[in-house]
Amino acid sequence: MNMQAKAEFYSEVLTIVVDGKEVKVKAQAVQRHPFKPKLSHIDFVRA
């Protein structure tokens, strides 16, 4: 099962690296490909 398919994915704090600095974020919105099982875009907000 993919992480984004679980409800916890949207409330869990993730760490991403931006310009060499670690930033704590949460996923806000996810766009999926219309017919392929792929993500096309994820919006993050700072946690």
N, C-alpha and C. Protein backbone atom coordinates (compact mmCIF):
# COMPACT_ATOMS: atom_id res chain seq x y z
N MET A 1 0.85 -1.18 0.00
CA MET A 1 0.00 0.00 0.00
C MET A 1 0.89 1.24 0.00
N ASN A 2 0.52 2.25 -0.74
CA ASN A 2 1.29 3.48 -0.82
C ASN A 2 1.03 4.35 0.40
N MET A 3 2.06 5.10 0.81
CA MET A 3 1.91 5.96 1.99
C MET A 3 0.77 6.95 1.85
N GLN A 4 0.64 7.59 0.67
CA GLN A 4 -0.36 8.64 0.50
C GLN A 4 -1.78 8.10 0.52
N ALA A 5 -1.95 6.79 0.43
CA ALA A 5 -3.29 6.19 0.49
C ALA A 5 -3.79 6.09 1.93
N LYS A 6 -2.91 6.25 2.90
CA LYS A 6 -3.30 6.18 4.31
C LYS A 6 -3.60 7.57 4.84
N ALA A 7 -4.61 7.69 5.67
CA ALA A 7 -5.00 8.99 6.24
C ALA A 7 -3.88 9.61 7.08
N GLU A 8 -3.07 8.78 7.74
CA GLU A 8 -1.99 9.27 8.59
C GLU A 8 -0.95 10.08 7.81
N PHE A 9 -0.83 9.82 6.52
CA PHE A 9 0.15 10.53 5.68
C PHE A 9 -0.06 12.04 5.76
N TYR A 10 -1.31 12.49 5.84
CA TYR A 10 -1.63 13.92 5.82
C TYR A 10 -1.45 14.59 7.17
N SER A 11 -1.33 13.83 8.25
CA SER A 11 -1.14 14.43 9.57
C SER A 11 0.27 14.21 10.11
N GLU A 12 1.04 13.35 9.46
CA GLU A 12 2.39 13.04 9.92
C GLU A 12 3.37 14.13 9.50
N VAL A 13 4.29 14.47 10.39
CA VAL A 13 5.33 15.46 10.08
C VAL A 13 6.45 14.76 9.32
N LEU A 14 6.79 15.31 8.15
CA LEU A 14 7.85 14.77 7.31
C LEU A 14 9.02 15.75 7.31
N THR A 15 10.21 15.27 7.04
CA THR A 15 11.38 16.14 6.92
C THR A 15 11.85 16.10 5.48
N ILE A 16 11.91 17.28 4.85
CA ILE A 16 12.45 17.39 3.50
C ILE A 16 13.64 18.34 3.53
N VAL A 17 14.51 18.25 2.55
CA VAL A 17 15.68 19.11 2.48
C VAL A 17 15.47 20.13 1.36
N VAL A 18 15.55 21.43 1.74
CA VAL A 18 15.39 22.53 0.80
C VAL A 18 16.62 23.41 0.90
N ASP A 19 17.33 23.58 -0.18
CA ASP A 19 18.56 24.39 -0.19
C ASP A 19 19.53 23.96 0.90
N GLY A 20 19.64 22.65 1.12
CA GLY A 20 20.57 22.12 2.09
C GLY A 20 20.12 22.19 3.54
N LYS A 21 18.91 22.70 3.79
CA LYS A 21 18.39 22.81 5.15
C LYS A 21 17.21 21.87 5.33
N GLU A 22 17.15 21.21 6.49
CA GLU A 22 16.02 20.33 6.79
C GLU A 22 14.82 21.16 7.22
N VAL A 23 13.66 20.86 6.65
CA VAL A 23 12.43 21.58 6.95
C VAL A 23 11.37 20.55 7.32
N LYS A 24 10.68 20.79 8.44
CA LYS A 24 9.58 19.91 8.87
C LYS A 24 8.31 20.38 8.17
N VAL A 25 7.61 19.45 7.51
CA VAL A 25 6.42 19.78 6.74
C VAL A 25 5.34 18.73 6.94
N LYS A 26 4.12 19.09 6.52
CA LYS A 26 3.01 18.15 6.43
C LYS A 26 2.46 18.24 5.01
N ALA A 27 1.99 17.13 4.49
CA ALA A 27 1.37 17.13 3.16
C ALA A 27 -0.01 17.76 3.29
N GLN A 28 -0.33 18.69 2.38
CA GLN A 28 -1.63 19.36 2.42
C GLN A 28 -2.55 18.84 1.33
N ALA A 29 -2.00 18.69 0.13
CA ALA A 29 -2.82 18.23 -1.00
C ALA A 29 -1.95 17.38 -1.92
N VAL A 30 -2.59 16.39 -2.54
CA VAL A 30 -1.88 15.48 -3.45
C VAL A 30 -2.65 15.41 -4.75
N GLN A 31 -1.93 15.56 -5.87
CA GLN A 31 -2.54 15.37 -7.20
C GLN A 31 -2.02 14.06 -7.76
N ARG A 32 -2.95 13.26 -8.25
CA ARG A 32 -2.59 11.97 -8.82
C ARG A 32 -2.77 12.00 -10.33
N HIS A 33 -2.00 11.17 -11.02
CA HIS A 33 -2.15 11.02 -12.46
C HIS A 33 -3.54 10.45 -12.73
N PRO A 34 -4.21 10.91 -13.80
CA PRO A 34 -5.60 10.49 -14.05
C PRO A 34 -5.80 8.98 -14.18
N PHE A 35 -4.86 8.26 -14.80
CA PHE A 35 -5.09 6.83 -14.98
C PHE A 35 -3.89 5.95 -14.64
N LYS A 36 -2.75 6.53 -14.36
CA LYS A 36 -1.59 5.75 -13.92
C LYS A 36 -1.49 5.84 -12.39
N PRO A 37 -0.97 4.82 -11.76
CA PRO A 37 -0.84 4.87 -10.30
C PRO A 37 0.39 5.68 -9.86
N LYS A 38 0.42 6.96 -10.25
CA LYS A 38 1.55 7.83 -9.95
C LYS A 38 1.06 9.15 -9.36
N LEU A 39 1.91 9.76 -8.52
CA LEU A 39 1.64 11.10 -8.02
C LEU A 39 2.22 12.10 -9.01
N SER A 40 1.52 13.21 -9.23
CA SER A 40 2.05 14.23 -10.12
C SER A 40 2.47 15.48 -9.35
N HIS A 41 1.91 15.69 -8.13
CA HIS A 41 2.25 16.90 -7.38
C HIS A 41 1.82 16.74 -5.92
N ILE A 42 2.63 17.27 -5.00
CA ILE A 42 2.26 17.30 -3.58
C ILE A 42 2.49 18.72 -3.06
N ASP A 43 1.49 19.28 -2.38
CA ASP A 43 1.63 20.57 -1.70
C ASP A 43 1.99 20.30 -0.24
N PHE A 44 3.01 21.01 0.26
CA PHE A 44 3.42 20.88 1.64
C PHE A 44 3.20 22.20 2.38
N VAL A 45 2.96 22.12 3.68
CA VAL A 45 2.92 23.29 4.56
C VAL A 45 3.91 23.03 5.68
N ARG A 46 4.51 24.11 6.17
CA ARG A 46 5.47 23.95 7.28
C ARG A 46 4.74 23.46 8.52
N ALA A 47 5.40 22.57 9.21
CA ALA A 47 4.78 21.99 10.42
C ALA A 47 5.16 22.79 11.65
